[in-house]
Protein backbone atom coordinates (compact mmCIF):
# COMPACT_ATOMS: atom_id res chain seq x y z
CA MET A 1 -22.37 10.31 48.44
CA PRO A 2 -19.33 8.04 47.96
CA GLY A 3 -16.58 9.41 45.76
CA GLN A 4 -15.18 8.27 42.42
CA GLY A 5 -11.98 6.64 43.69
CA ASN A 6 -12.95 3.29 42.17
CA LEU A 7 -12.26 4.76 38.71
CA PHE A 8 -8.52 4.43 39.42
CA ASP A 9 -6.20 1.48 39.90
CA LYS A 10 -4.02 1.05 42.99
CA ALA A 11 -1.30 3.24 41.52
CA GLY A 12 -3.76 6.09 40.88
CA ILE A 13 -4.02 5.67 37.10
CA PRO A 14 -7.50 5.83 35.50
CA LYS A 15 -8.72 2.32 34.68
CA GLU A 16 -10.56 3.43 31.52
CA ARG A 17 -8.49 6.44 30.64
CA TYR A 18 -10.14 7.52 27.40
CA ARG A 19 -13.71 6.40 27.98
CA SER A 20 -16.46 9.02 27.90
CA TRP A 21 -18.70 9.08 30.98
CA THR A 22 -22.07 10.73 31.49
CA ALA A 23 -22.85 12.41 34.80
CA LYS A 24 -25.62 9.87 35.43
CA GLU A 25 -23.21 6.97 34.91
CA LEU A 26 -20.81 8.41 37.47
CA VAL A 27 -23.55 9.07 40.03
CA ASP A 28 -25.09 5.62 39.52
CA ARG A 29 -21.66 4.05 39.95
CA ALA A 30 -21.11 5.88 43.23
CA GLY A 31 -24.63 5.06 44.36
CA ARG A 32 -23.83 1.35 44.28
CA LEU A 33 -21.00 1.79 46.77
CA PRO A 34 -21.57 1.50 50.53
CA ARG A 35 -22.12 4.75 52.42
CA GLU A 36 -19.17 5.86 54.54
CA PHE A 37 -21.48 7.36 57.19
CA PRO A 38 -25.14 8.39 57.60
CA PRO A 39 -26.10 11.69 55.92
CA GLY A 40 -25.40 14.64 58.21
CA ALA A 41 -23.29 12.61 60.66
CA ARG A 42 -19.97 14.14 59.62
CA TYR A 43 -18.12 15.70 56.74
CA GLY A 44 -16.41 13.89 53.89
CA TYR A 45 -15.30 15.38 50.57
CA SER A 46 -16.73 13.66 47.49
CA ASN A 47 -16.42 14.50 43.79
CA THR A 48 -19.81 12.90 43.31
CA ASN A 49 -21.48 15.80 45.11
CA TYR A 50 -20.13 18.26 42.53
CA ILE A 51 -21.26 16.02 39.69
CA VAL A 52 -24.76 16.06 41.19
CA LEU A 53 -24.57 19.87 41.34
CA GLY A 54 -23.72 19.93 37.63
CA MET A 55 -26.78 17.80 36.93
CA LEU A 56 -28.89 20.14 39.07
CA ILE A 57 -27.68 23.16 37.07
CA GLU A 58 -28.75 21.44 33.85
CA ARG A 59 -32.15 20.49 35.31
CA VAL A 60 -32.86 24.03 36.54
CA THR A 61 -31.55 25.97 33.51
CA GLY A 62 -32.31 23.52 30.73
CA ARG A 63 -28.78 23.99 29.40
CA PRO A 64 -25.50 22.08 29.91
CA TYR A 65 -23.62 23.19 33.00
CA ALA A 66 -20.61 23.99 30.77
CA THR A 67 -22.72 26.56 28.91
CA GLU A 68 -23.77 28.17 32.19
CA ILE A 69 -20.14 28.33 33.34
CA ARG A 70 -19.11 30.05 30.14
CA GLU A 71 -22.03 32.51 30.04
CA ARG A 72 -22.20 33.39 33.74
CA ILE A 73 -18.51 33.31 34.74
CA LEU A 74 -15.87 32.86 32.04
CA ARG A 75 -17.15 35.35 29.48
CA PRO A 76 -18.19 38.16 31.89
CA LEU A 77 -14.85 37.95 33.75
CA GLY A 78 -12.77 37.79 30.57
CA MET A 79 -11.31 34.38 31.44
CA GLY A 80 -10.21 33.72 27.88
CA HIS A 81 -7.70 30.99 28.77
CA THR A 82 -10.19 28.83 30.65
CA ARG A 83 -12.31 26.17 29.03
CA VAL A 84 -14.57 23.24 29.78
CA PRO A 85 -13.04 20.58 27.50
CA GLY A 86 -15.86 18.03 27.31
CA ALA A 87 -14.42 14.70 26.16
CA SER A 88 -11.13 16.04 24.73
CA PRO A 89 -8.01 14.68 26.51
CA GLU A 90 -5.80 17.44 25.11
CA VAL A 91 -4.36 20.28 27.21
CA PRO A 92 -3.66 23.30 24.97
CA GLY A 93 -0.45 25.33 25.11
CA PRO A 94 2.54 24.86 27.39
CA HIS A 95 1.50 23.11 30.60
CA ALA A 96 2.76 21.11 33.55
CA HIS A 97 2.44 17.33 33.37
CA ALA A 98 1.02 15.01 36.00
CA TYR A 99 2.90 11.85 36.96
CA VAL A 100 2.12 8.81 39.09
CA PRO A 101 4.97 6.70 40.58
CA VAL A 102 4.60 3.07 39.48
CA THR A 103 6.81 0.13 40.41
CA LYS A 104 8.04 -1.79 37.35
CA GLY A 105 10.68 -4.48 37.53
CA GLY A 106 11.56 -3.52 41.08
CA ARG A 107 12.09 0.12 40.13
CA VAL A 108 9.80 3.10 40.73
CA VAL A 109 9.22 4.97 37.47
CA PRO A 110 7.02 8.01 36.77
CA VAL A 111 4.03 7.42 34.47
CA ASP A 112 2.62 10.46 32.68
CA VAL A 113 -1.16 10.67 33.33
CA THR A 114 -1.73 14.16 31.92
CA ARG A 115 -3.94 13.01 29.06
CA PHE A 116 -7.27 11.40 29.95
CA ASN A 117 -10.92 11.87 29.07
CA PRO A 118 -12.04 14.65 31.45
CA THR A 119 -15.65 13.44 31.51
CA MET A 120 -14.55 11.11 34.32
CA ALA A 121 -14.34 14.28 36.45
CA GLY A 122 -17.21 16.22 34.91
CA ALA A 123 -18.47 19.11 37.03
CA ALA A 124 -16.13 18.02 39.83
CA GLY A 125 -12.92 19.03 38.07
CA GLU A 126 -12.70 18.95 34.29
CA ILE A 127 -12.04 22.68 33.78
CA ILE A 128 -8.66 23.69 32.35
CA SER A 129 -7.36 27.13 33.31
CA THR A 130 -4.29 29.28 33.93
CA THR A 131 -2.98 30.94 37.08
CA GLU A 132 -3.84 34.35 35.64
CA ASP A 133 -7.45 33.35 35.02
CA LEU A 134 -7.71 31.72 38.46
CA ASN A 135 -6.54 34.95 40.08
CA ARG A 136 -9.13 36.81 38.04
CA PHE A 137 -11.84 34.41 39.25
CA TYR A 138 -10.90 34.64 42.95
CA ARG A 139 -10.72 38.44 42.83
CA ALA A 140 -14.24 38.59 41.42
CA LEU A 141 -15.52 36.02 43.91
CA PHE A 142 -14.08 37.68 47.03
CA GLN A 143 -15.03 41.17 45.86
CA GLY A 144 -18.67 40.04 45.67
CA ARG A 145 -19.02 40.31 41.90
CA LEU A 146 -20.18 36.71 41.42
CA LEU A 147 -22.46 35.99 44.38
CA PRO A 148 -24.71 37.85 46.82
CA SER A 149 -22.96 38.52 50.14
CA ALA A 150 -25.08 35.93 52.00
CA LEU A 151 -23.99 33.14 49.63
CA LEU A 152 -20.35 34.20 49.79
CA LYS A 153 -20.59 34.09 53.58
CA ASP A 154 -21.89 30.51 53.35
CA MET A 155 -18.92 29.58 51.17
CA LYS A 156 -16.59 30.75 53.95
CA ASP A 157 -18.50 28.99 56.74
CA PRO A 158 -16.61 25.80 57.69
CA GLY A 159 -19.64 24.26 59.44
CA MET A 160 -18.72 20.90 60.94
CA THR A 161 -15.39 20.60 59.13
CA LYS A 162 -13.16 21.96 61.94
CA LYS A 163 -12.45 25.20 60.07
CA ALA A 164 -11.18 23.36 57.00
CA TYR A 165 -13.89 23.53 54.33
CA GLY A 166 -16.90 25.69 53.50
CA LEU A 167 -19.30 25.42 50.57
CA GLY A 168 -16.68 25.05 47.85
CA LEU A 169 -13.83 26.87 49.62
CA GLU A 170 -11.05 25.36 51.69
CA MET A 171 -9.37 27.26 54.52
CA ALA A 172 -5.69 27.07 55.42
CA PRO A 173 -4.34 28.92 58.49
CA LEU A 174 -1.08 30.68 57.63
CA PRO A 175 1.26 32.62 59.93
CA CYS A 176 0.06 35.80 58.21
CA GLY A 177 -3.67 35.06 58.06
CA THR A 178 -6.10 32.57 56.54
CA ALA A 179 -5.87 31.50 52.91
CA LEU A 180 -9.07 30.65 51.04
CA GLY A 181 -9.29 28.63 47.85
CA ARG A 182 -9.08 25.03 46.69
CA GLY A 183 -6.29 22.52 47.18
CA MET A 184 -5.28 23.96 50.54
CA ALA A 185 -3.76 20.66 51.70
CA GLY A 186 -0.58 21.55 49.82
CA VAL A 187 -0.55 25.01 51.40
CA LEU A 188 -0.76 23.47 54.86
CA ARG A 189 2.20 21.18 54.15
CA VAL A 190 4.30 24.13 52.95
CA THR A 191 3.16 26.25 55.88
CA SER A 192 4.63 23.83 58.40
CA ARG A 193 8.00 24.38 56.74
CA TRP A 194 7.53 28.14 56.85
CA ARG A 195 6.89 28.02 60.59
CA SER A 196 10.02 25.95 61.22
CA ALA A 197 12.03 28.42 59.13
CA ARG A 198 10.54 31.40 61.03
CA LEU A 199 9.39 32.89 57.71
CA THR A 200 12.85 33.95 56.59
CA GLY A 201 13.99 34.37 53.01
CA ARG A 202 11.77 32.71 50.44
CA GLY A 203 9.16 31.76 53.04
CA ARG A 204 8.65 35.43 53.90
CA TRP A 205 8.25 36.32 50.21
CA LEU A 206 5.70 33.57 49.69
CA CYS A 207 3.55 34.51 52.66
CA ARG A 208 0.27 36.08 51.64
CA SER A 209 -2.45 37.79 53.62
CA LEU A 210 -6.06 38.61 52.78
CA HIS A 211 -7.40 42.09 53.34
CA THR A 212 -11.10 42.86 53.77
CA HIS A 213 -11.92 42.05 50.14
CA GLY A 214 -9.99 38.80 50.17
CA ILE A 215 -7.43 39.86 47.55
CA PRO A 216 -3.95 38.32 47.94
CA ARG A 217 -1.32 40.86 48.98
CA ARG A 218 2.43 40.25 49.27
CA ARG A 219 4.04 40.68 52.67
CA PRO A 220 7.23 42.80 52.66
């Protein structure tokens, strides 16, 4: 389905920053947009697909998807610094801020867009976490503690995406192996610099490889 890009202005700032959205409202909004290509013709990432998955979880379990996330993943793995915020725009504790460059009076100035109502992302990206908790999650995922092996294999299968994206996991080829996770576009940009620097100094320290269980390991 089409994505949710029409929720933002040209600069990338949410048009209705503090409005609460339901999953149905977001899906209906996307459904009114023209299709980018026929179903099954090619691959295209869309937040709407994850929002639909959240709705499916609620239909199957009879409980909000946020409750299922907490009961099936966060609590069993001890991810105490991760939460599904609902409609709260607040980010607890020390945190990085997000900025969008906006031209005002002929000058480009950064606009802080950290605070917004996360229901506009819903099941596609409203979760707030820490790097420690994310590492805990990926260890459990790649060690097979969250999914049966067949489903984990499907997550790593890039299908028609030219080895770039499986079912929820992105792939990034690194000089020392393949990285799996989300947001790999940034990794690919950094990797090109590593290659040009022949992995010396800081690049060598940053390089990671995945052993058979998929756990990150520092290269010497």
